[in-house]
Protein backbone atom coordinates (compact mmCIF):
# COMPACT_ATOMS: atom_id res chain seq x y z
CA MET A 1 3.10 22.46 -29.77
CA ARG A 2 -0.14 24.43 -29.88
CA ILE A 3 -2.31 25.58 -27.06
CA PHE A 4 -5.69 27.27 -27.01
CA ALA A 5 -5.34 28.15 -23.34
CA GLY A 6 -7.40 31.01 -22.03
CA THR A 7 -10.03 30.35 -24.70
CA PRO A 8 -13.34 29.58 -22.99
CA SER A 9 -15.31 27.19 -25.11
CA GLY A 10 -18.51 27.39 -27.07
CA ALA A 11 -21.69 27.29 -25.01
CA VAL A 12 -22.89 26.58 -21.53
CA ARG A 13 -26.08 24.81 -20.65
CA ALA A 14 -28.46 26.30 -18.08
CA GLY A 15 -31.52 24.14 -17.67
CA SER A 16 -32.83 23.55 -21.18
CA LYS A 17 -31.43 26.77 -22.60
CA CYS A 18 -28.20 27.06 -24.54
CA LEU A 19 -26.43 30.26 -23.55
CA PRO A 20 -24.47 32.39 -26.04
CA ALA A 21 -20.86 31.45 -26.64
CA ARG A 22 -18.18 33.20 -24.66
CA PRO A 23 -15.64 35.04 -26.83
CA LEU A 24 -13.05 32.93 -28.61
CA ALA A 25 -10.07 35.22 -28.40
CA THR A 26 -7.13 33.10 -29.46
CA ALA A 27 -5.85 33.45 -33.00
CA GLY A 28 -6.34 30.29 -34.97
CA ILE A 29 -9.93 29.64 -33.91
CA GLY A 30 -12.12 31.33 -36.46
CA LEU A 31 -15.87 31.76 -36.77
CA THR A 32 -16.34 28.36 -38.36
CA LEU A 33 -14.82 26.56 -35.41
CA ALA A 34 -16.64 28.81 -32.97
CA ALA A 35 -19.94 27.97 -34.63
CA SER A 36 -19.19 24.26 -34.63
CA LEU A 37 -18.34 24.33 -30.93
CA ILE A 38 -21.57 26.15 -30.12
CA LEU A 39 -23.64 23.68 -32.15
CA ALA A 40 -21.87 20.74 -30.56
CA ALA A 41 -22.58 22.04 -27.07
CA CYS A 42 -26.19 22.85 -27.86
CA SER A 43 -26.82 19.42 -29.37
CA SER A 44 -25.25 17.55 -26.43
CA SER A 45 -27.52 15.96 -23.88
CA ASP A 46 -27.74 17.45 -20.41
CA VAL A 47 -24.75 16.48 -18.29
CA SER A 48 -25.16 14.92 -14.88
CA ASP A 49 -22.16 14.93 -12.58
CA ASP A 50 -23.01 11.48 -11.28
CA GLY A 51 -25.20 9.95 -13.97
CA PRO A 52 -24.44 8.56 -17.41
CA VAL A 53 -23.54 10.91 -20.22
CA ASP A 54 -24.89 10.69 -23.75
CA SER A 55 -21.76 10.31 -25.83
CA THR A 56 -23.48 9.92 -29.21
CA PRO A 57 -21.08 11.36 -31.80
CA THR A 58 -21.96 14.55 -33.65
CA ALA A 59 -22.23 14.68 -37.43
CA THR A 60 -18.50 14.05 -37.83
CA ALA A 61 -17.77 10.36 -37.39
CA PRO A 62 -15.08 9.53 -34.86
CA PRO A 63 -11.74 8.59 -36.38
CA THR A 64 -10.55 5.01 -36.28
CA ASP A 65 -7.20 3.45 -36.92
CA SER A 66 -7.02 1.82 -40.34
CA PRO A 67 -4.15 0.27 -42.29
CA GLY A 68 -1.90 2.96 -43.68
CA GLU A 69 -3.59 5.74 -41.67
CA MET A 70 -3.12 5.82 -37.94
CA VAL A 71 -5.03 8.67 -36.33
CA GLY A 72 -2.77 11.27 -34.70
CA LEU A 73 0.28 9.45 -35.96
CA SER A 74 2.63 10.19 -38.85
CA ASP A 75 6.18 9.24 -39.76
CA ASP A 76 7.59 12.10 -37.74
CA ARG A 77 5.13 12.91 -34.92
CA ILE A 78 2.52 11.65 -32.45
CA LEU A 79 -0.20 14.12 -31.45
CA PHE A 80 -1.75 14.02 -27.99
CA GLY A 81 -4.73 16.08 -26.82
CA GLN A 82 -5.64 17.65 -23.50
CA SER A 83 -8.96 19.14 -22.43
CA ALA A 84 -8.37 20.93 -19.14
CA ALA A 85 -8.98 24.14 -17.20
CA PHE A 86 -6.94 27.08 -18.48
CA SER A 87 -9.34 29.72 -17.20
CA GLY A 88 -11.49 30.07 -14.08
CA PRO A 89 -10.79 29.09 -10.46
CA ALA A 90 -8.98 25.85 -11.41
CA GLN A 91 -6.81 27.24 -14.23
CA GLU A 92 -3.49 26.72 -12.44
CA LEU A 93 -4.16 22.98 -12.42
CA GLY A 94 -4.52 22.78 -16.20
CA LYS A 95 -1.56 25.07 -16.80
CA ASN A 96 0.73 23.07 -14.54
CA MET A 97 -0.37 19.65 -15.78
CA ARG A 98 0.41 20.88 -19.29
CA LEU A 99 3.73 22.31 -18.14
CA GLY A 100 4.87 18.95 -16.77
CA ILE A 101 3.70 16.92 -19.75
CA VAL A 102 5.37 19.26 -22.23
CA ALA A 103 8.59 19.24 -20.19
CA ALA A 104 8.66 15.44 -20.50
CA PHE A 105 7.83 15.57 -24.22
CA ASP A 106 10.48 18.19 -24.89
CA GLU A 107 13.01 16.10 -22.98
CA VAL A 108 12.55 13.11 -25.28
CA ASN A 109 12.14 15.28 -28.38
CA ARG A 110 15.61 16.77 -27.80
CA GLN A 111 16.92 13.22 -28.08
CA GLY A 112 15.17 12.66 -31.40
CA GLY A 113 11.73 11.70 -30.13
CA VAL A 114 10.39 8.17 -29.75
CA HIS A 115 11.61 5.99 -32.61
CA GLY A 116 12.06 9.13 -34.70
CA ARG A 117 8.70 10.67 -33.90
CA VAL A 118 8.39 13.87 -31.86
CA LEU A 119 5.58 14.11 -29.34
CA GLU A 120 3.20 17.08 -29.49
CA LEU A 121 0.43 18.20 -27.15
CA GLN A 122 -2.58 20.24 -28.16
CA SER A 123 -4.46 21.68 -25.18
CA LEU A 124 -7.97 23.15 -25.17
CA ASP A 125 -9.64 25.08 -22.36
CA ASP A 126 -12.77 23.49 -20.86
CA ALA A 127 -12.76 25.94 -17.92
CA TYR A 128 -13.47 22.99 -15.57
CA GLU A 129 -17.03 22.78 -16.89
CA PRO A 130 -18.50 19.37 -17.88
CA GLU A 131 -20.41 20.73 -20.89
CA ASP A 132 -17.28 22.38 -22.25
CA ALA A 133 -15.28 19.21 -21.69
CA ILE A 134 -17.67 17.42 -24.07
CA VAL A 135 -17.12 20.07 -26.73
CA MET A 136 -13.36 20.13 -26.39
CA THR A 137 -12.97 16.35 -26.21
CA ARG A 138 -15.03 15.88 -29.34
CA HIS A 139 -13.05 18.56 -31.13
CA LEU A 140 -9.74 16.96 -30.19
CA ILE A 141 -10.88 13.53 -31.32
CA GLU A 142 -12.95 14.36 -34.39
CA GLN A 143 -11.29 17.47 -35.77
CA GLU A 144 -7.70 17.41 -34.52
CA GLN A 145 -7.65 13.59 -34.63
CA VAL A 146 -5.35 13.13 -31.67
CA PHE A 147 -3.71 9.78 -31.00
CA ALA A 148 -4.60 9.81 -27.30
CA LEU A 149 -5.87 12.10 -24.55
CA ILE A 150 -3.67 12.92 -21.56
CA GLY A 151 -3.72 15.10 -18.46
CA ALA A 152 -7.41 15.97 -18.17
CA VAL A 153 -8.26 17.95 -15.02
CA GLY A 154 -11.17 17.14 -12.76
CA THR A 155 -13.83 14.60 -11.91
CA PRO A 156 -16.93 16.28 -13.44
CA THR A 157 -15.11 17.01 -16.69
CA SER A 158 -13.68 13.49 -16.86
CA ARG A 159 -17.13 12.03 -16.22
CA SER A 160 -18.35 13.90 -19.31
CA ALA A 161 -15.34 13.16 -21.50
CA THR A 162 -14.60 9.51 -20.79
CA PRO A 163 -17.62 7.99 -22.59
CA ILE A 164 -16.71 9.98 -25.70
CA ALA A 165 -13.13 8.76 -25.57
CA ARG A 166 -14.23 5.16 -24.98
CA ASP A 167 -16.73 5.14 -27.84
CA SER A 168 -14.05 6.54 -30.16
CA GLY A 169 -11.43 4.03 -29.05
CA VAL A 170 -9.13 6.78 -27.74
CA PRO A 171 -6.83 6.15 -24.74
CA TYR A 172 -7.55 8.41 -21.74
CA ILE A 173 -4.33 8.66 -19.80
CA ALA A 174 -3.41 10.09 -16.39
CA PRO A 175 -6.38 12.35 -15.60
CA PHE A 176 -5.70 14.70 -12.69
CA THR A 177 -8.38 13.23 -10.42
CA GLY A 178 -8.64 10.42 -7.90
CA ALA A 179 -12.31 9.65 -8.56
CA ALA A 180 -13.35 6.06 -7.96
CA PHE A 181 -15.42 5.72 -11.16
CA LEU A 182 -12.26 6.07 -13.27
CA ARG A 183 -10.92 2.97 -11.56
CA ASP A 184 -13.90 0.74 -12.42
CA ASN A 185 -13.12 -2.49 -14.24
CA GLU A 186 -15.53 -1.60 -17.04
CA TRP A 187 -13.05 0.82 -18.65
CA ASP A 188 -10.63 -0.58 -21.19
CA ASN A 189 -9.15 2.75 -22.32
CA ILE A 190 -8.43 4.59 -19.03
CA ILE A 191 -5.00 4.57 -17.41
CA ASN A 192 -4.67 6.26 -14.01
CA LEU A 193 -1.34 7.37 -12.63
CA ARG A 194 -2.19 8.61 -9.13
CA ALA A 195 -3.64 7.27 -5.89
CA SER A 196 -7.39 7.65 -5.40
CA TYR A 197 -9.32 10.15 -3.29
CA ASN A 198 -10.38 7.23 -1.10
CA GLN A 199 -6.73 6.59 -0.32
CA GLU A 200 -6.03 10.27 0.35
CA THR A 201 -8.99 10.67 2.72
CA GLU A 202 -8.13 7.42 4.50
CA GLU A 203 -4.65 8.79 5.18
CA MET A 204 -6.16 12.04 6.46
CA VAL A 205 -8.50 10.35 8.92
CA ALA A 206 -5.79 7.92 10.03
CA ARG A 207 -3.41 10.76 10.83
CA LEU A 208 -6.06 12.87 12.60
CA THR A 209 -7.23 10.03 14.80
CA ASP A 210 -3.97 8.12 15.38
CA ASP A 211 -1.60 11.08 15.70
CA LEU A 212 -3.79 13.66 17.42
CA GLY A 213 -6.68 11.66 18.87
CA ILE A 214 -9.20 13.91 17.13
CA THR A 215 -12.82 12.74 17.28
CA ARG A 216 -14.74 15.71 15.86
CA VAL A 217 -14.19 15.99 12.10
CA GLY A 218 -16.13 18.23 9.72
CA VAL A 219 -16.13 17.98 5.92
CA MET A 220 -16.37 20.78 3.36
CA TYR A 221 -16.85 19.78 -0.27
CA GLN A 222 -17.57 21.15 -3.72
CA ASN A 223 -21.11 20.34 -4.85
CA ASP A 224 -20.33 18.14 -7.85
CA SER A 225 -19.01 14.66 -8.59
CA PHE A 226 -15.48 15.61 -7.47
CA GLY A 227 -16.64 16.94 -4.13
CA ARG A 228 -18.99 14.03 -3.57
CA ALA A 229 -16.25 11.52 -4.44
CA GLY A 230 -13.98 13.00 -1.78
CA PHE A 231 -16.86 13.35 0.67
CA ARG A 232 -17.77 9.67 0.28
CA GLY A 233 -14.14 8.72 0.86
CA ALA A 234 -13.98 10.81 4.04
CA VAL A 235 -17.28 9.43 5.35
CA ALA A 236 -16.14 5.85 4.67
CA ALA A 237 -12.83 6.44 6.45
CA LEU A 238 -14.65 7.89 9.45
CA ALA A 239 -17.17 5.05 9.46
CA ARG A 240 -14.36 2.49 9.67
CA ARG A 241 -13.61 4.11 13.04
CA ASP A 242 -17.25 4.29 14.13
CA MET A 243 -17.31 8.03 13.48
CA GLU A 244 -19.27 10.39 11.25
CA PRO A 245 -18.85 14.04 10.26
CA VAL A 246 -19.90 16.42 13.03
CA SER A 247 -20.75 19.08 10.42
CA ILE A 248 -20.82 19.46 6.64
CA GLY A 249 -20.31 22.52 4.45
CA ILE A 250 -21.08 22.60 0.72
CA TYR A 251 -20.27 25.20 -1.96
CA PRO A 252 -20.99 25.42 -5.73
CA ARG A 253 -18.31 24.49 -8.28
CA ASN A 254 -16.37 27.29 -9.99
CA THR A 255 -17.31 29.83 -7.30
CA THR A 256 -15.84 31.15 -4.07
CA ALA A 257 -19.28 31.27 -2.41
CA VAL A 258 -18.18 29.55 0.81
CA LYS A 259 -19.68 31.67 3.60
CA THR A 260 -22.73 29.43 4.01
CA ALA A 261 -20.45 26.38 4.07
CA LEU A 262 -18.40 28.03 6.81
CA LEU A 263 -21.48 28.78 8.91
CA ASP A 264 -22.64 25.17 8.56
CA LEU A 265 -19.22 23.84 9.56
CA ARG A 266 -19.14 26.00 12.69
CA LEU A 267 -22.31 24.33 14.00
CA GLY A 268 -20.44 21.10 14.74
CA GLU A 269 -17.47 22.74 16.49
CA PRO A 270 -15.02 20.54 14.55
CA GLU A 271 -11.47 19.90 15.74
CA ALA A 272 -10.47 19.23 12.12
CA VAL A 273 -11.99 19.93 8.71
CA ILE A 274 -11.34 17.81 5.61
CA MET A 275 -11.76 19.96 2.50
CA ILE A 276 -12.54 18.68 -1.01
CA GLY A 277 -12.29 21.62 -3.38
CA ALA A 278 -10.19 23.82 -5.66
CA TYR A 279 -7.61 26.28 -4.36
CA GLU A 280 -9.60 29.54 -4.53
CA PRO A 281 -12.69 28.48 -2.53
CA VAL A 282 -10.59 26.41 -0.12
CA ALA A 283 -8.33 29.40 0.54
CA ARG A 284 -11.33 31.70 0.92
CA LEU A 285 -12.96 29.46 3.53
CA ILE A 286 -9.75 29.03 5.54
CA SER A 287 -9.12 32.78 5.54
CA TRP A 288 -12.68 33.53 6.68
CA ALA A 289 -12.42 30.85 9.36
CA ARG A 290 -9.19 32.32 10.72
CA ARG A 291 -10.82 35.74 10.93
CA THR A 292 -13.88 34.42 12.76
CA ASP A 293 -11.95 32.47 15.41
CA LEU A 294 -12.62 29.04 13.90
CA ASP A 295 -9.21 27.37 13.93
CA PRO A 296 -9.41 23.59 13.47
CA VAL A 297 -6.81 21.48 11.69
CA PHE A 298 -7.44 22.05 7.98
CA MET A 299 -6.61 19.22 5.58
CA THR A 300 -7.22 19.06 1.83
CA VAL A 301 -6.58 16.65 -1.04
CA SER A 302 -3.99 16.94 -3.80
CA PHE A 303 -6.44 18.23 -6.41
CA VAL A 304 -6.53 21.56 -4.58
CA GLY A 305 -3.41 22.72 -6.45
CA SER A 306 -0.78 23.08 -3.77
CA ASN A 307 1.34 25.94 -5.10
CA ALA A 308 -1.71 28.02 -5.99
CA LEU A 309 -3.28 27.32 -2.58
CA ALA A 310 -0.22 28.51 -0.68
CA GLN A 311 -0.08 31.66 -2.79
CA GLU A 312 -3.77 32.39 -2.25
CA LEU A 313 -3.54 31.85 1.51
CA GLY A 314 -0.42 33.85 2.26
CA PRO A 315 0.09 34.05 6.06
CA ASP A 316 -3.23 32.23 6.65
CA GLY A 317 -1.70 29.07 5.17
CA ALA A 318 0.53 28.20 8.12
CA GLY A 319 -0.46 24.76 9.40
CA VAL A 320 -2.70 23.77 6.47
CA LEU A 321 -2.09 20.13 5.54
CA VAL A 322 -2.29 18.75 2.00
CA THR A 323 -2.07 15.11 0.98
CA GLN A 324 0.02 14.58 -2.15
CA VAL A 325 0.23 11.71 -4.64
CA VAL A 326 3.71 12.44 -6.00
CA PRO A 327 7.02 12.99 -4.20
CA PHE A 328 8.18 16.36 -2.94
CA PRO A 329 8.96 18.34 -6.14
CA GLU A 330 12.16 19.93 -4.86
CA ASP A 331 13.76 16.84 -3.31
CA ASP A 332 16.42 16.28 -5.96
CA SER A 333 17.91 13.43 -3.92
CA LEU A 334 15.21 11.35 -5.61
CA PRO A 335 16.27 10.40 -9.17
CA VAL A 336 12.81 11.06 -10.63
CA VAL A 337 12.66 14.53 -9.09
CA HIS A 338 16.18 15.28 -10.31
CA SER A 339 15.09 14.34 -13.85
CA TYR A 340 11.95 16.44 -13.51
CA LEU A 341 13.83 19.50 -12.32
CA ASP A 342 16.32 19.20 -15.20
CA ALA A 343 13.52 18.80 -17.75
CA LEU A 344 11.52 21.70 -16.27
CA ALA A 345 14.55 24.02 -16.31
CA ALA A 346 15.35 23.09 -19.91
CA HIS A 347 11.77 23.71 -21.02
CA ASP A 348 11.11 26.88 -18.99
CA PRO A 349 13.97 28.17 -16.81
CA GLY A 350 11.57 30.50 -14.98
CA ALA A 351 8.99 27.83 -14.08
CA GLU A 352 8.41 27.11 -10.40
CA PRO A 353 8.54 23.40 -9.48
CA GLY A 354 5.31 22.04 -8.04
CA PHE A 355 3.34 18.92 -7.26
CA VAL A 356 0.95 19.34 -10.20
CA SER A 357 3.62 19.82 -12.86
CA LEU A 358 5.56 16.88 -11.39
CA GLU A 359 2.44 14.75 -11.85
CA GLY A 360 2.22 15.99 -15.43
CA TYR A 361 5.87 15.11 -15.99
CA LEU A 362 5.29 11.59 -14.65
CA ALA A 363 2.30 11.23 -16.99
CA GLY A 364 4.48 12.24 -19.93
CA ARG A 365 7.24 9.85 -18.93
CA LEU A 366 4.69 7.03 -18.55
CA VAL A 367 3.42 7.31 -22.12
CA ILE A 368 6.96 7.75 -23.44
CA SER A 369 8.00 4.50 -21.77
CA ALA A 370 5.03 2.63 -23.25
CA LEU A 371 5.60 4.08 -26.74
CA GLN A 372 9.24 3.08 -26.65
CA GLU A 373 8.23 -0.51 -25.95
CA CYS A 374 5.79 -0.48 -28.87
CA GLY A 375 8.55 0.20 -31.37
CA THR A 376 7.99 1.83 -34.75
CA ASP A 377 4.69 0.02 -35.43
CA VAL A 378 2.84 1.83 -32.69
CA ASP A 379 -0.94 2.09 -32.50
CA ARG A 380 -3.49 2.76 -29.79
CA SER A 381 -3.95 -0.91 -28.95
CA CYS A 382 -0.23 -1.34 -28.41
CA LEU A 383 -0.06 1.74 -26.20
CA LEU A 384 -2.86 0.46 -23.97
CA SER A 385 -1.58 -3.12 -23.86
CA GLN A 386 1.90 -1.94 -22.93
CA LEU A 387 0.50 0.16 -20.10
CA ILE A 388 -1.59 -2.68 -18.67
CA ASP A 389 0.10 -5.92 -19.75
CA ARG A 390 3.64 -4.80 -19.00
CA GLY A 391 2.60 -4.43 -15.37
CA GLY A 392 5.41 -2.53 -13.72
CA PHE A 393 7.09 0.74 -14.62
CA ASP A 394 10.09 2.29 -12.91
CA ILE A 395 10.31 5.98 -13.74
CA ASP A 396 13.67 6.84 -12.24
CA GLY A 397 12.73 5.20 -8.96
CA PHE A 398 9.03 6.10 -8.92
CA ALA A 399 7.26 2.75 -9.20
CA LEU A 400 3.96 2.18 -11.00
CA GLN A 401 2.19 -1.16 -11.08
CA TYR A 402 -0.68 -2.09 -13.40
CA GLY A 403 -2.40 -5.39 -14.12
CA ASP A 404 -5.67 -7.20 -14.75
CA ASP A 405 -8.52 -5.25 -13.10
CA ASP A 406 -6.02 -2.60 -11.96
CA ASN A 407 -5.70 0.53 -14.09
CA GLN A 408 -4.14 2.63 -11.30
CA GLY A 409 -0.36 2.78 -11.22
CA SER A 410 0.49 4.31 -7.83
CA ASP A 411 -0.97 3.90 -4.35
CA GLU A 412 1.41 6.39 -2.73
CA VAL A 413 0.05 9.17 -0.53
CA PHE A 414 2.42 11.73 1.00
CA LEU A 415 1.66 14.27 3.74
CA THR A 416 2.79 17.90 3.52
CA VAL A 417 2.22 21.06 5.56
CA ILE A 418 2.45 24.75 4.72
CA GLY A 419 4.98 26.22 7.12
CA SER A 420 5.12 29.66 8.64
CA ASP A 421 7.51 30.51 5.79
CA GLY A 422 4.72 29.92 3.24
CA GLU A 423 6.53 26.88 1.82
CA TYR A 424 5.51 23.22 1.77
CA HIS A 425 7.35 20.74 3.98
CA PRO A 426 7.04 16.95 4.03
CA VAL A 427 5.90 15.42 7.32
CA GLU A 428 5.57 11.82 8.49
CA THR A 429 3.05 12.43 11.29
CA LEU A 430 0.93 15.39 12.36
CA HIS A 431 3.22 15.85 15.35
CA ASP A 432 5.91 16.94 12.88
CA THR A 433 3.93 20.01 11.82
CA ALA A 434 5.16 21.82 14.94
CA LEU A 435 8.63 21.83 13.38
CA TRP A 436 7.41 24.13 10.61
CA VAL A 437 4.56 26.11 12.12
CA THR A 438 4.73 28.79 14.76
CA ARG A 439 1.55 30.45 16.01
């Protein structure tokens, strides 16, 4: 398996200007590839986080399956691709999604693969930037000729990459995002594993209002399509209870510039703050709030990157609540978690279990299950039809259900809290947080 992690991609757009490429430091990417990435980025249309993306192919025509030559598929291997963040403030998300997927792939490869084919994953770093996601997705499809894409990280990057994958007929499986647009019926190549941000924010508001009787809720969000997706979910959940945010804080993507957001949040004197962001800026805002005597209930969605958030926060993390979309990653009483822990230890004995790598593992197991059903004559159409038409999957007790007009497998949302010990603990209601937090 090959990875170009820590290799920021070709060029970044700023207005109408194409900025110089950042250094390509990993061996194996020479000047020719660097030049092609820069040209691809510079020729791409401007990317809007919420609007349509021009996915017109570059000079290289997208690969298509043809008799005798299945793209990304040979007699002894199936090649998957991943464009995700391996540098920048969201890098732990990409690294851990990859970790889980590869653990699942290695698990089946040790048993001879799927019908004699080993599964491989090639990962490229898009640094959680939409423009770079276009470059990397095109490279994976057109140059590396991957069979399918798996484990993308983020809403803005997925918004840029999904039209390219669709136009090339490439499956786009288990992106690490709960954005609503990925669940639209128009997509015929997207398979979601996790619950949506709307479901996570609904659970947050339900727990705040039902458990604690809170009426004053502020929202902090990242100023891009991810942040706005979570913000809309929070606003809708509040509106269902005849409420609205008492204050709103906004910060720019891929920064920790949160002081203005904190000042704006303070104006509403919130009892609780719902946070839609990555782990570094979320941790920075919570730490600043604690030091300035703003101490509401802080809640954030699963995308934050739970392990990285707890590490960033240190002692300031006690009492912070995070919704999760997979089971507790150290509860080996659950068969799926037991399998995950065994696979993780076999792949990397020093790896720390976590929610993100568990989600990656589940994504890997999902595609393995579908490929096994396809038999030896596998192709992209069979993979997609197995994922949708088969309907239900049972991954060692973790149930997924797909069907017509439903490309999302799980609706599960779990609630966790960071305890005074710096560790995550599962809770059923917000009253249970007192068991783990001392102030």
